Amino acid sequence: MAEQVTCIVKGDGTRYSDCRCITEIRTGTARYSRSEANTKVSREPGSLYVQAAGSRVNVIPAEREGVKYVRTVPNDTTADNLLNVRYFIKPVAAPDANPLYRDARWKVFENPNAFPDHFDVLLRS
């Protein structure tokens, strides 16, 4: 069964600015490390996806400079949908201010650039 990615953990942000900065993928029921997510979508294409602007976008395996990670299938946007999920988590030591939630290990942030779950369109005649 396919699982929707609901949150990402950005733990390698000092080394990478692309999807390699994601160290964990979270769904409603599971957590996957970067390499576990890569293995999962390699073995089961379409098993992880992101809901972006009303469209389902599959997560795919990728590898760069020896790092196995995941990203989304290219579509009609230049942004990677996986980096545009609504919430992301960073270790508590991250210097970022104003988390939505904080505990002894993690800070939770809302992504102001996240794709909306839907669009409202007003048509006038």
PDB file of N, CA and C in Angstrom:
ATOM      1  N   MET A   1       0.838  -1.184   0.000  1.00  0.00           N
ATOM      2  CA  MET A   1       0.000   0.000   0.000  1.00  0.00           C
ATOM      3  C   MET A   1       0.883   1.247   0.000  1.00  0.00           C
ATOM      4  N   ALA A   2       0.510   2.218  -0.791  1.00  0.00           N
ATOM      5  CA  ALA A   2       1.276   3.472  -0.883  1.00  0.00           C
ATOM      6  C   ALA A   2       1.063   4.319   0.374  1.00  0.00           C
ATOM      7  N   GLU A   3       2.129   4.994   0.782  1.00  0.00           N
ATOM      8  CA  GLU A   3       2.087   5.843   1.969  1.00  0.00           C
ATOM      9  C   GLU A   3       2.397   7.281   1.579  1.00  0.00           C
ATOM     10  N   GLN A   4       1.615   8.217   2.126  1.00  0.00           N
ATOM     11  CA  GLN A   4       1.848   9.637   1.867  1.00  0.00           C
ATOM     12  C   GLN A   4       2.896  10.178   2.833  1.00  0.00           C
ATOM     13  N   VAL A   5       3.902  10.857   2.297  1.00  0.00           N
ATOM     14  CA  VAL A   5       4.909  11.514   3.123  1.00  0.00           C
ATOM     15  C   VAL A   5       4.258  12.725   3.769  1.00  0.00           C
ATOM     16  N   THR A   6       4.305  12.775   5.095  1.00  0.00           N
ATOM     17  CA  THR A   6       3.678  13.882   5.818  1.00  0.00           C
ATOM     18  C   THR A   6       4.697  14.811   6.466  1.00  0.00           C
ATOM     19  N   CYS A   7       5.940  14.327   6.600  1.00  0.00           N
ATOM     20  CA  CYS A   7       6.957  15.115   7.278  1.00  0.00           C
ATOM     21  C   CYS A   7       8.329  14.619   6.854  1.00  0.00           C
ATOM     22  N   ILE A   8       9.295  15.530   6.833  1.00  0.00           N
ATOM     23  CA  ILE A   8      10.678  15.156   6.564  1.00  0.00           C
ATOM     24  C   ILE A   8      11.553  15.683   7.700  1.00  0.00           C
ATOM     25  N   VAL A   9      12.664  15.004   7.947  1.00  0.00           N
ATOM     26  CA  VAL A   9      13.641  15.464   8.929  1.00  0.00           C
ATOM     27  C   VAL A   9      14.855  15.954   8.151  1.00  0.00           C
ATOM     28  N   LYS A  10      15.175  17.233   8.325  1.00  0.00           N
ATOM     29  CA  LYS A  10      16.340  17.818   7.678  1.00  0.00           C
ATOM     30  C   LYS A  10      17.494  17.794   8.674  1.00  0.00           C
ATOM     31  N   GLY A  11      18.334  16.785   8.571  1.00  0.00           N
ATOM     32  CA  GLY A  11      19.417  16.644   9.532  1.00  0.00           C
ATOM     33  C   GLY A  11      20.789  16.900   8.950  1.00  0.00           C
ATOM     34  N   ASP A  12      20.875  17.007   7.630  1.00  0.00           N
ATOM     35  CA  ASP A  12      22.160  17.190   6.968  1.00  0.00           C
ATOM     36  C   ASP A  12      22.192  18.508   6.203  1.00  0.00           C
ATOM     37  N   GLY A  13      21.521  19.516   6.712  1.00  0.00           N
ATOM     38  CA  GLY A  13      21.401  20.798   6.026  1.00  0.00           C
ATOM     39  C   GLY A  13      22.698  21.567   5.884  1.00  0.00           C
ATOM     40  N   THR A  14      23.670  21.256   6.720  1.00  0.00           N
ATOM     41  CA  THR A  14      24.944  21.970   6.602  1.00  0.00           C
ATOM     42  C   THR A  14      25.789  21.418   5.462  1.00  0.00           C
ATOM     43  N   ARG A  15      25.542  20.177   5.064  1.00  0.00           N
ATOM     44  CA  ARG A  15      26.308  19.554   3.977  1.00  0.00           C
ATOM     45  C   ARG A  15      25.617  19.662   2.631  1.00  0.00           C
ATOM     46  N   TYR A  16      24.282  19.614   2.619  1.00  0.00           N
ATOM     47  CA  TYR A  16      23.539  19.565   1.359  1.00  0.00           C
ATOM     48  C   TYR A  16      22.392  20.568   1.370  1.00  0.00           C
ATOM     49  N   SER A  17      22.065  21.089   0.186  1.00  0.00           N
ATOM     50  CA  SER A  17      20.916  22.001   0.079  1.00  0.00           C
ATOM     51  C   SER A  17      19.796  21.370  -0.735  1.00  0.00           C
ATOM     52  N   ASP A  18      20.001  20.160  -1.233  1.00  0.00           N
ATOM     53  CA  ASP A  18      18.970  19.477  -2.008  1.00  0.00           C
ATOM     54  C   ASP A  18      18.357  18.367  -1.145  1.00  0.00           C
ATOM     55  N   CYS A  19      17.713  17.401  -1.766  1.00  0.00           N
ATOM     56  CA  CYS A  19      17.039  16.344  -1.009  1.00  0.00           C
ATOM     57  C   CYS A  19      17.973  15.473  -0.191  1.00  0.00           C
ATOM     58  N   ARG A  20      19.282  15.556  -0.432  1.00  0.00           N
ATOM     59  CA  ARG A  20      20.221  14.795   0.386  1.00  0.00           C
ATOM     60  C   ARG A  20      20.248  15.293   1.826  1.00  0.00           C
ATOM     61  N   CYS A  21      19.746  16.505   2.090  1.00  0.00           N
ATOM     62  CA  CYS A  21      19.700  17.013   3.469  1.00  0.00           C
ATOM     63  C   CYS A  21      18.657  16.277   4.301  1.00  0.00           C
ATOM     64  N   ILE A  22      17.742  15.565   3.640  1.00  0.00           N
ATOM     65  CA  ILE A  22      16.689  14.830   4.341  1.00  0.00           C
ATOM     66  C   ILE A  22      17.285  13.548   4.906  1.00  0.00           C
ATOM     67  N   THR A  23      17.211  13.399   6.221  1.00  0.00           N
ATOM     68  CA  THR A  23      17.758  12.203   6.861  1.00  0.00           C
ATOM     69  C   THR A  23      16.665  11.213   7.251  1.00  0.00           C
ATOM     70  N   GLU A  24      15.402  11.669   7.252  1.00  0.00           N
ATOM     71  CA  GLU A  24      14.300  10.775   7.601  1.00  0.00           C
ATOM     72  C   GLU A  24      13.032  11.208   6.891  1.00  0.00           C
ATOM     73  N   ILE A  25      12.256  10.236   6.447  1.00  0.00           N
ATOM     74  CA  ILE A  25      10.952  10.439   5.818  1.00  0.00           C
ATOM     75  C   ILE A  25       9.916   9.888   6.781  1.00  0.00           C
ATOM     76  N   ARG A  26       8.856  10.639   7.023  1.00  0.00           N
ATOM     77  CA  ARG A  26       7.795  10.150   7.920  1.00  0.00           C
ATOM     78  C   ARG A  26       6.466  10.141   7.183  1.00  0.00           C
ATOM     79  N   THR A  27       5.705   9.075   7.438  1.00  0.00           N
ATOM     80  CA  THR A  27       4.350   8.960   6.909  1.00  0.00           C
ATOM     81  C   THR A  27       3.416   8.937   8.115  1.00  0.00           C
ATOM     82  N   GLY A  28       2.154   8.717   7.881  1.00  0.00           N
ATOM     83  CA  GLY A  28       1.217   8.651   8.999  1.00  0.00           C
ATOM     84  C   GLY A  28       1.465   7.489   9.934  1.00  0.00           C
ATOM     85  N   THR A  29       2.151   6.445   9.441  1.00  0.00           N
ATOM     86  CA  THR A  29       2.333   5.243  10.252  1.00  0.00           C
ATOM     87  C   THR A  29       3.771   4.756  10.370  1.00  0.00           C
ATOM     88  N   ALA A  30       4.704   5.349   9.640  1.00  0.00           N
ATOM     89  CA  ALA A  30       6.064   4.800   9.635  1.00  0.00           C
ATOM     90  C   ALA A  30       7.118   5.897   9.525  1.00  0.00           C
ATOM     91  N   ARG A  31       8.340   5.501   9.857  1.00  0.00           N
ATOM     92  CA  ARG A  31       9.524   6.351   9.706  1.00  0.00           C
ATOM     93  C   ARG A  31      10.547   5.579   8.884  1.00  0.00           C
ATOM     94  N   TYR A  32      11.200   6.273   7.955  1.00  0.00           N
ATOM     95  CA  TYR A  32      12.223   5.647   7.128  1.00  0.00           C
ATOM     96  C   TYR A  32      13.459   6.533   7.113  1.00  0.00           C
ATOM     97  N   SER A  33      14.620   5.930   7.336  1.00  0.00           N
ATOM     98  CA  SER A  33      15.855   6.688   7.174  1.00  0.00           C
ATOM     99  C   SER A  33      16.031   6.982   5.688  1.00  0.00           C
ATOM    100  N   ARG A  34      16.971   7.832   5.370  1.00  0.00           N
ATOM    101  CA  ARG A  34      17.247   8.178   3.977  1.00  0.00           C
ATOM    102  C   ARG A  34      17.501   6.918   3.148  1.00  0.00           C
ATOM    103  N   SER A  35      18.344   6.014   3.662  1.00  0.00           N
ATOM    104  CA  SER A  35      18.667   4.797   2.903  1.00  0.00           C
ATOM    105  C   SER A  35      17.498   3.804   2.888  1.00  0.00           C
ATOM    106  N   GLU A  36      16.746   3.717   3.977  1.00  0.00           N
ATOM    107  CA  GLU A  36      15.572   2.835   3.993  1.00  0.00           C
ATOM    108  C   GLU A  36      14.528   3.294   2.986  1.00  0.00           C
ATOM    109  N   ALA A  37      14.315   4.607   2.896  1.00  0.00           N
ATOM    110  CA  ALA A  37      13.355   5.141   1.923  1.00  0.00           C
ATOM    111  C   ALA A  37      13.829   4.845   0.503  1.00  0.00           C
ATOM    112  N   ASN A  38      15.134   4.991   0.257  1.00  0.00           N
ATOM    113  CA  ASN A  38      15.692   4.694  -1.062  1.00  0.00           C
ATOM    114  C   ASN A  38      15.456   3.227  -1.419  1.00  0.00           C
ATOM    115  N   THR A  39      15.725   2.331  -0.481  1.00  0.00           N
ATOM    116  CA  THR A  39      15.515   0.903  -0.716  1.00  0.00           C
ATOM    117  C   THR A  39      14.040   0.598  -0.955  1.00  0.00           C
ATOM    118  N   LYS A  40      13.162   1.196  -0.158  1.00  0.00           N
ATOM    119  CA  LYS A  40      11.721   0.950  -0.285  1.00  0.00           C
ATOM    120  C   LYS A  40      11.206   1.325  -1.669  1.00  0.00           C
ATOM    121  N   VAL A  41      11.522   2.527  -2.131  1.00  0.00           N
ATOM    122  CA  VAL A  41      10.990   2.951  -3.434  1.00  0.00           C
ATOM    123  C   VAL A  41      11.722   2.279  -4.597  1.00  0.00           C
ATOM    124  N   SER A  42      12.934   1.773  -4.356  1.00  0.00           N
ATOM    125  CA  SER A  42      13.626   0.985  -5.383  1.00  0.00           C
ATOM    126  C   SER A  42      12.919  -0.344  -5.579  1.00  0.00           C
ATOM    127  N   ARG A  43      12.548  -0.972  -4.468  1.00  0.00           N
ATOM    128  CA  ARG A  43      11.887  -2.287  -4.518  1.00  0.00           C
ATOM    129  C   ARG A  43      10.401  -2.197  -4.830  1.00  0.00           C
ATOM    130  N   GLU A  44       9.773  -1.106  -4.378  1.00  0.00           N
ATOM    131  CA  GLU A  44       8.323  -0.941  -4.541  1.00  0.00           C
ATOM    132  C   GLU A  44       8.023   0.433  -5.136  1.00  0.00           C
ATOM    133  N   PRO A  45       8.213   0.610  -6.449  1.00  0.00           N
ATOM    134  CA  PRO A  45       7.929   1.921  -7.056  1.00  0.00           C
ATOM    135  C   PRO A  45       6.496   2.381  -6.750  1.00  0.00           C
ATOM    136  N   GLY A  46       6.362   3.652  -6.411  1.00  0.00           N
ATOM    137  CA  GLY A  46       5.046   4.209  -6.083  1.00  0.00           C
ATOM    138  C   GLY A  46       4.618   3.974  -4.643  1.00  0.00           C
ATOM    139  N   SER A  47       5.500   3.398  -3.814  1.00  0.00           N
ATOM    140  CA  SER A  47       5.114   3.083  -2.441  1.00  0.00           C
ATOM    141  C   SER A  47       5.142   4.289  -1.504  1.00  0.00           C
ATOM    142  N   LEU A  48       5.850   5.356  -1.872  1.00  0.00           N
ATOM    143  CA  LEU A  48       5.851   6.615  -1.123  1.00  0.00           C
ATOM    144  C   LEU A  48       5.499   7.736  -2.095  1.00  0.00           C
ATOM    145  N   TYR A  49       4.690   8.680  -1.627  1.00  0.00           N
ATOM    146  CA  TYR A  49       4.306   9.802  -2.484  1.00  0.00           C
ATOM    147  C   TYR A  49       4.093  11.060  -1.660  1.00  0.00           C
ATOM    148  N   VAL A  50       4.093  12.183  -2.355  1.00  0.00           N
ATOM    149  CA  VAL A  50       3.816  13.489  -1.762  1.00  0.00           C
ATOM    150  C   VAL A  50       2.557  14.025  -2.434  1.00  0.00           C
ATOM    151  N   GLN A  51       1.682  14.619  -1.650  1.00  0.00           N
ATOM    152  CA  GLN A  51       0.505  15.285  -2.203  1.00  0.00           C
ATOM    153  C   GLN A  51       0.892  16.741  -2.428  1.00  0.00           C
ATOM    154  N   ALA A  52       0.919  17.189  -3.665  1.00  0.00           N
ATOM    155  CA  ALA A  52       1.365  18.549  -3.989  1.00  0.00           C
ATOM    156  C   ALA A  52       0.374  19.227  -4.906  1.00  0.00           C
ATOM    157  N   ALA A  53      -0.217  20.297  -4.413  1.00  0.00           N
ATOM    158  CA  ALA A  53      -1.161  21.094  -5.202  1.00  0.00           C
ATOM    159  C   ALA A  53      -2.248  20.219  -5.819  1.00  0.00           C
ATOM    160  N   GLY A  54      -2.765  19.295  -5.031  1.00  0.00           N
ATOM    161  CA  GLY A  54      -3.854  18.452  -5.493  1.00  0.00           C
ATOM    162  C   GLY A  54      -3.424  17.275  -6.342  1.00  0.00           C
ATOM    163  N   SER A  55      -2.146  17.108  -6.570  1.00  0.00           N
ATOM    164  CA  SER A  55      -1.645  16.001  -7.384  1.00  0.00           C
ATOM    165  C   SER A  55      -0.774  15.074  -6.537  1.00  0.00           C
ATOM    166  N   ARG A  56      -0.842  13.813  -6.868  1.00  0.00           N
ATOM    167  CA  ARG A  56       0.015  12.820  -6.215  1.00  0.00           C
ATOM    168  C   ARG A  56       1.319  12.726  -7.017  1.00  0.00           C
ATOM    169  N   VAL A  57       2.440  12.915  -6.331  1.00  0.00           N
ATOM    170  CA  VAL A  57       3.756  12.878  -6.966  1.00  0.00           C
ATOM    171  C   VAL A  57       4.574  11.790  -6.275  1.00  0.00           C
ATOM    172  N   ASN A  58       4.993  10.790  -7.030  1.00  0.00           N
ATOM    173  CA  ASN A  58       5.732   9.672  -6.456  1.00  0.00           C
ATOM    174  C   ASN A  58       7.145  10.066  -6.042  1.00  0.00           C
ATOM    175  N   VAL A  59       7.615   9.415  -4.988  1.00  0.00           N
ATOM    176  CA  VAL A  59       8.989   9.550  -4.522  1.00  0.00           C
ATOM    177  C   VAL A  59       9.805   8.471  -5.233  1.00  0.00           C
ATOM    178  N   ILE A  60      10.988   8.837  -5.707  1.00  0.00           N
ATOM    179  CA  ILE A  60      11.830   7.911  -6.466  1.00  0.00           C
ATOM    180  C   ILE A  60      13.229   7.834  -5.840  1.00  0.00           C
ATOM    181  N   PRO A  61      13.944   6.742  -6.095  1.00  0.00           N
ATOM    182  CA  PRO A  61      15.314   6.637  -5.577  1.00  0.00           C
ATOM    183  C   PRO A  61      16.266   7.509  -6.385  1.00  0.00           C
ATOM    184  N   ALA A  62      17.307   7.971  -5.726  1.00  0.00           N
ATOM    185  CA  ALA A  62      18.335   8.772  -6.389  1.00  0.00           C
ATOM    186  C   ALA A  62      19.662   8.505  -5.696  1.00  0.00           C
ATOM    187  N   GLU A  63      20.736   8.827  -6.396  1.00  0.00           N
ATOM    188  CA  GLU A  63      22.066   8.700  -5.807  1.00  0.00           C
ATOM    189  C   GLU A  63      22.953   9.772  -6.418  1.00  0.00           C
ATOM    190  N   ARG A  64      23.701  10.442  -5.552  1.00  0.00           N
ATOM    191  CA  ARG A  64      24.629  11.482  -5.997  1.00  0.00           C
ATOM    192  C   ARG A  64      25.822  11.487  -5.061  1.00  0.00           C
ATOM    193  N   GLU A  65      27.006  11.509  -5.634  1.00  0.00           N
ATOM    194  CA  GLU A  65      28.250  11.547  -4.868  1.00  0.00           C
ATOM    195  C   GLU A  65      28.297  10.448  -3.802  1.00  0.00           C
ATOM    196  N   GLY A  66      27.767   9.270  -4.156  1.00  0.00           N
ATOM    197  CA  GLY A  66      27.784   8.135  -3.245  1.00  0.00           C
ATOM    198  C   GLY A  66      26.714   8.130  -2.173  1.00  0.00           C
ATOM    199  N   VAL A  67      25.841   9.138  -2.153  1.00  0.00           N
ATOM    200  CA  VAL A  67      24.771   9.215  -1.152  1.00  0.00           C
ATOM    201  C   VAL A  67      23.466   8.748  -1.796  1.00  0.00           C
ATOM    202  N   LYS A  68      22.879   7.688  -1.235  1.00  0.00           N
ATOM    203  CA  LYS A  68      21.580   7.214  -1.698  1.00  0.00           C
ATOM    204  C   LYS A  68      20.514   7.978  -0.932  1.00  0.00           C
ATOM    205  N   TYR A  69      19.566   8.544  -1.668  1.00  0.00           N
ATOM    206  CA  TYR A  69      18.509   9.348  -1.063  1.00  0.00           C
ATOM    207  C   TYR A  69      17.259   9.219  -1.919  1.00  0.00           C
ATOM    208  N   VAL A  70      16.234   9.978  -1.625  1.00  0.00           N
ATOM    209  CA  VAL A  70      15.012   9.979  -2.430  1.00  0.00           C
ATOM    210  C   VAL A  70      14.654  11.403  -2.817  1.00  0.00           C
ATOM    211  N   ARG A  71      13.919  11.515  -3.894  1.00  0.00           N
ATOM    212  CA  ARG A  71      13.389  12.793  -4.363  1.00  0.00           C
ATOM    213  C   ARG A  71      12.067  12.496  -5.038  1.00  0.00           C
ATOM    214  N   THR A  72      11.428  13.477  -5.620  1.00  0.00           N
ATOM    215  CA  THR A  72      10.166  13.219  -6.310  1.00  0.00           C
ATOM    216  C   THR A  72      10.371  13.170  -7.815  1.00  0.00           C
ATOM    217  N   VAL A  73       9.424  12.517  -8.465  1.00  0.00           N
ATOM    218  CA  VAL A  73       9.428  12.430  -9.919  1.00  0.00           C
ATOM    219  C   VAL A  73       9.357  13.855 -10.469  1.00  0.00           C
ATOM    220  N   PRO A  74      10.168  14.180 -11.470  1.00  0.00           N
ATOM    221  CA  PRO A  74      10.070  15.517 -12.073  1.00  0.00           C
ATOM    222  C   PRO A  74       8.659  15.733 -12.638  1.00  0.00           C
ATOM    223  N   ASN A  75       8.122  16.911 -12.375  1.00  0.00           N
ATOM    224  CA  ASN A  75       6.817  17.256 -12.949  1.00  0.00           C
ATOM    225  C   ASN A  75       6.887  18.696 -13.442  1.00  0.00           C
ATOM    226  N   ASP A  76       5.771  19.375 -13.480  1.00  0.00           N
ATOM    227  CA  ASP A  76       5.744  20.707 -14.094  1.00  0.00           C
ATOM    228  C   ASP A  76       6.222  21.831 -13.178  1.00  0.00           C
ATOM    229  N   THR A  77       6.921  21.505 -12.106  1.00  0.00           N
ATOM    230  CA  THR A  77       7.478  22.526 -11.226  1.00  0.00           C
ATOM    231  C   THR A  77       8.984  22.342 -11.125  1.00  0.00           C
ATOM    232  N   THR A  78       9.709  23.417 -10.938  1.00  0.00           N
ATOM    233  CA  THR A  78      11.157  23.315 -10.781  1.00  0.00           C
ATOM    234  C   THR A  78      11.535  22.954  -9.350  1.00  0.00           C
ATOM    235  N   ALA A  79      10.616  23.143  -8.415  1.00  0.00           N
ATOM    236  CA  ALA A  79      10.876  22.801  -7.015  1.00  0.00           C
ATOM    237  C   ALA A  79      10.686  21.308  -6.813  1.00  0.00           C
ATOM    238  N   ASP A  80      11.447  20.718  -5.913  1.00  0.00           N
ATOM    239  CA  ASP A  80      11.232  19.318  -5.584  1.00  0.00           C
ATOM    240  C   ASP A  80      10.116  19.252  -4.559  1.00  0.00           C
ATOM    241  N   ASN A  81       9.058  18.539  -4.894  1.00  0.00           N
ATOM    242  CA  ASN A  81       7.883  18.468  -4.035  1.00  0.00           C
ATOM    243  C   ASN A  81       8.197  17.914  -2.648  1.00  0.00           C
ATOM    244  N   LEU A  82       9.199  17.054  -2.553  1.00  0.00           N
ATOM    245  CA  LEU A  82       9.538  16.465  -1.259  1.00  0.00           C
ATOM    246  C   LEU A  82      10.067  17.514  -0.283  1.00  0.00           C
ATOM    247  N   LEU A  83      10.761  18.524  -0.787  1.00  0.00           N
ATOM    248  CA  LEU A  83      11.256  19.589   0.081  1.00  0.00           C
ATOM    249  C   LEU A  83      10.167  20.600   0.416  1.00  0.00           C
ATOM    250  N   ASN A  84       8.989  20.447  -0.182  1.00  0.00           N
ATOM    251  CA  ASN A  84       7.902  21.391   0.034  1.00  0.00           C
ATOM    252  C   ASN A  84       6.735  20.810   0.815  1.00  0.00           C
ATOM    253  N   VAL A  85       6.994  19.782   1.637  1.00  0.00           N
ATOM    254  CA  VAL A  85       5.939  19.285   2.505  1.00  0.00           C
ATOM    255  C   VAL A  85       5.644  20.336   3.576  1.00  0.00           C
ATOM    256  N   ARG A  86       4.505  20.239   4.191  1.00  0.00           N
ATOM    257  CA  ARG A  86       4.038  21.262   5.135  1.00  0.00           C
ATOM    258  C   ARG A  86       4.934  21.390   6.368  1.00  0.00           C
ATOM    259  N   TYR A  87       5.422  20.272   6.919  1.00  0.00           N
ATOM    260  CA  TYR A  87       6.216  20.320   8.147  1.00  0.00           C
ATOM    261  C   TYR A  87       7.575  19.665   7.946  1.00  0.00           C
ATOM    262  N   PHE A  88       8.573  20.194   8.626  1.00  0.00           N
ATOM    263  CA  PHE A  88       9.876  19.548   8.658  1.00  0.00           C
ATOM    264  C   PHE A  88      10.451  19.652  10.054  1.00  0.00           C
ATOM    265  N   ILE A  89      11.352  18.744  10.353  1.00  0.00           N
ATOM    266  CA  ILE A  89      11.923  18.625  11.691  1.00  0.00           C
ATOM    267  C   ILE A  89      13.429  18.768  11.597  1.00  0.00           C
ATOM    268  N   LYS A  90      13.996  19.440  12.582  1.00  0.00           N
ATOM    269  CA  LYS A  90      15.448  19.571  12.673  1.00  0.00           C
ATOM    270  C   LYS A  90      15.881  19.229  14.093  1.00  0.00           C
ATOM    271  N   PRO A  91      17.126  18.799  14.246  1.00  0.00           N
ATOM    272  CA  PRO A  91      17.631  18.531  15.602  1.00  0.00           C
ATOM    273  C   PRO A  91      17.560  19.800  16.452  1.00  0.00           C
ATOM    274  N   VAL A  92      17.395  19.648  17.747  1.00  0.00           N
ATOM    275  CA  VAL A  92      17.244  20.787  18.648  1.00  0.00           C
ATOM    276  C   VAL A  92      18.455  21.726  18.586  1.00  0.00           C
ATOM    277  N   ALA A  93      19.619  21.217  18.219  1.00  0.00           N
ATOM    278  CA  ALA A  93      20.818  22.054  18.139  1.00  0.00           C
ATOM    279  C   ALA A  93      20.825  22.976  16.919  1.00  0.00           C
ATOM    280  N   ALA A  94      19.912  22.777  15.988  1.00  0.00           N
ATOM    281  CA  ALA A  94      19.853  23.638  14.798  1.00  0.00           C
ATOM    282  C   ALA A  94      19.598  25.074  15.229  1.00  0.00           C
ATOM    283  N   PRO A  95      20.250  26.046  14.600  1.00  0.00           N
ATOM    284  CA  PRO A  95      20.129  27.438  15.033  1.00  0.00           C
ATOM    285  C   PRO A  95      18.808  28.111  14.648  1.00  0.00           C
ATOM    286  N   ASP A  96      17.987  27.461  13.845  1.00  0.00           N
ATOM    287  CA  ASP A  96      16.738  28.069  13.388  1.00  0.00           C
ATOM    288  C   ASP A  96      15.835  28.453  14.556  1.00  0.00           C
ATOM    289  N   ALA A  97      15.253  29.643  14.459  1.00  0.00           N
ATOM    290  CA  ALA A  97      14.386  30.151  15.532  1.00  0.00           C
ATOM    291  C   ALA A  97      12.914  29.898  15.227  1.00  0.00           C
ATOM    292  N   ASN A  98      12.082  30.071  16.229  1.00  0.00           N
ATOM    293  CA  ASN A  98      10.624  30.029  16.137  1.00  0.00           C
ATOM    294  C   ASN A  98      10.031  28.715  15.650  1.00  0.00           C
ATOM    295  N   PRO A  99      10.386  27.596  16.270  1.00  0.00           N
ATOM    296  CA  PRO A  99       9.735  26.344  15.886  1.00  0.00           C
ATOM    297  C   PRO A  99       8.291  26.321  16.377  1.00  0.00           C
ATOM    298  N   LEU A 100       7.455  25.529  15.720  1.00  0.00           N
ATOM    299  CA  LEU A 100       6.078  25.336  16.187  1.00  0.00           C
ATOM    300  C   LEU A 100       6.064  24.518  17.471  1.00  0.00           C
ATOM    301  N   TYR A 101       7.024  23.612  17.565  1.00  0.00           N
ATOM    302  CA  TYR A 101       7.115  22.723  18.718  1.00  0.00           C
ATOM    303  C   TYR A 101       8.591  22.417  18.951  1.00  0.00           C
ATOM    304  N   ARG A 102       8.926  22.188  20.203  1.00  0.00           N
ATOM    305  CA  ARG A 102      10.302  21.859  20.554  1.00  0.00           C
ATOM    306  C   ARG A 102      10.283  20.934  21.755  1.00  0.00           C
ATOM    307  N   ASP A 103      11.129  19.915  21.710  1.00  0.00           N
ATOM    308  CA  ASP A 103      11.322  19.083  22.893  1.00  0.00           C
ATOM    309  C   ASP A 103      12.825  18.934  23.113  1.00  0.00           C
ATOM    310  N   ALA A 104      13.241  17.977  23.888  1.00  0.00           N
ATOM    311  CA  ALA A 104      14.657  17.836  24.223  1.00  0.00           C
ATOM    312  C   ALA A 104      15.521  17.442  23.029  1.00  0.00           C
ATOM    313  N   ARG A 105      14.918  16.859  21.984  1.00  0.00           N
ATOM    314  CA  ARG A 105      15.704  16.384  20.830  1.00  0.00           C
ATOM    315  C   ARG A 105      15.389  17.088  19.517  1.00  0.00           C
ATOM    316  N   TRP A 106      14.164  17.564  19.325  1.00  0.00           N
ATOM    317  CA  TRP A 106      13.722  18.034  18.008  1.00  0.00           C
ATOM    318  C   TRP A 106      13.027  19.384  18.044  1.00  0.00           C
ATOM    319  N   LYS A 107      13.069  20.073  16.889  1.00  0.00           N
ATOM    320  CA  LYS A 107      12.278  21.278  16.635  1.00  0.00           C
ATOM    321  C   LYS A 107      11.414  20.996  15.410  1.00  0.00           C
ATOM    322  N   VAL A 108      10.150  21.372  15.478  1.00  0.00           N
ATOM    323  CA  VAL A 108       9.233  21.190  14.353  1.00  0.00           C
ATOM    324  C   VAL A 108       8.916  22.559  13.770  1.00  0.00           C
ATOM    325  N   PHE A 109       9.041  22.668  12.450  1.00  0.00           N
ATOM    326  CA  PHE A 109       8.789  23.923  11.749  1.00  0.00           C
ATOM    327  C   PHE A 109       7.715  23.725  10.694  1.00  0.00           C
ATOM    328  N   GLU A 110       6.953  24.785  10.433  1.00  0.00           N
ATOM    329  CA  GLU A 110       6.023  24.768   9.311  1.00  0.00           C
ATOM    330  C   GLU A 110       6.707  25.451   8.138  1.00  0.00           C
ATOM    331  N   ASN A 111       6.624  24.846   6.983  1.00  0.00           N
ATOM    332  CA  ASN A 111       7.257  25.368   5.784  1.00  0.00           C
ATOM    333  C   ASN A 111       6.357  26.436   5.162  1.00  0.00           C
ATOM    334  N   PRO A 112       6.752  27.706   5.179  1.00  0.00           N
ATOM    335  CA  PRO A 112       5.902  28.757   4.603  1.00  0.00           C
ATOM    336  C   PRO A 112       5.807  28.662   3.084  1.00  0.00           C
ATOM    337  N   ASN A 113       6.703  27.909   2.454  1.00  0.00           N
ATOM    338  CA  ASN A 113       6.688  27.750   1.000  1.00  0.00           C
ATOM    339  C   ASN A 113       6.065  26.432   0.555  1.00  0.00           C
ATOM    340  N   ALA A 114       5.408  25.749   1.485  1.00  0.00           N
ATOM    341  CA  ALA A 114       4.806  24.457   1.150  1.00  0.00           C
ATOM    342  C   ALA A 114       3.724  24.622   0.103  1.00  0.00           C
ATOM    343  N   PHE A 115       3.617  23.588  -0.721  1.00  0.00           N
ATOM    344  CA  PHE A 115       2.520  23.583  -1.682  1.00  0.00           C
ATOM    345  C   PHE A 115       1.218  23.453  -0.913  1.00  0.00           C
ATOM    346  N   PRO A 116       0.168  24.156  -1.322  1.00  0.00           N
ATOM    347  CA  PRO A 116      -1.121  24.006  -0.641  1.00  0.00           C
ATOM    348  C   PRO A 116      -1.718  22.640  -0.928  1.00  0.00           C
ATOM    349  N   ASP A 117      -2.595  22.179  -0.023  1.00  0.00           N
ATOM    350  CA  ASP A 117      -3.277  20.908  -0.247  1.00  0.00           C
ATOM    351  C   ASP A 117      -4.286  21.023  -1.379  1.00  0.00           C
ATOM    352  N   HIS A 118      -4.798  22.226  -1.572  1.00  0.00           N
ATOM    353  CA  HIS A 118      -5.755  22.456  -2.658  1.00  0.00           C
ATOM    354  C   HIS A 118      -5.742  23.925  -3.027  1.00  0.00           C
ATOM    355  N   PHE A 119      -6.328  24.243  -4.134  1.00  0.00           N
ATOM    356  CA  PHE A 119      -6.485  25.623  -4.557  1.00  0.00           C
ATOM    357  C   PHE A 119      -7.963  25.943  -4.674  1.00  0.00           C
ATOM    358  N   ASP A 120      -8.348  27.128  -4.270  1.00  0.00           N
ATOM    359  CA  ASP A 120      -9.700  27.608  -4.502  1.00  0.00           C
ATOM    360  C   ASP A 120      -9.652  28.494  -5.734  1.00  0.00           C
ATOM    361  N   VAL A 121     -10.541  28.233  -6.658  1.00  0.00           N
ATOM    362  CA  VAL A 121     -10.581  29.012  -7.894  1.00  0.00           C
ATOM    363  C   VAL A 121     -11.939  29.673  -8.003  1.00  0.00           C
ATOM    364  N   LEU A 122     -11.946  30.965  -8.189  1.00  0.00           N
ATOM    365  CA  LEU A 122     -13.184  31.708  -8.359  1.00  0.00           C
ATOM    366  C   LEU A 122     -13.320  32.039  -9.833  1.00  0.00           C
ATOM    367  N   LEU A 123     -14.393  31.548 -10.427  1.00  0.00           N
ATOM    368  CA  LEU A 123     -14.642  31.829 -11.835  1.00  0.00           C
ATOM    369  C   LEU A 123     -15.743  32.868 -11.930  1.00  0.00           C
ATOM    370  N   ARG A 124     -15.507  33.883 -12.709  1.00  0.00           N
ATOM    371  CA  ARG A 124     -16.520  34.930 -12.909  1.00  0.00           C
ATOM    372  C   ARG A 124     -16.860  34.995 -14.380  1.00  0.00           C
ATOM    373  N   SER A 125     -18.114  35.221 -14.645  1.00  0.00           N
ATOM    374  CA  SER A 125     -18.522  35.327 -16.052  1.00  0.00           C
ATOM    375  C   SER A 125     -18.682  36.769 -16.464  1.00  0.00           C
TER     376      SER A 125
END
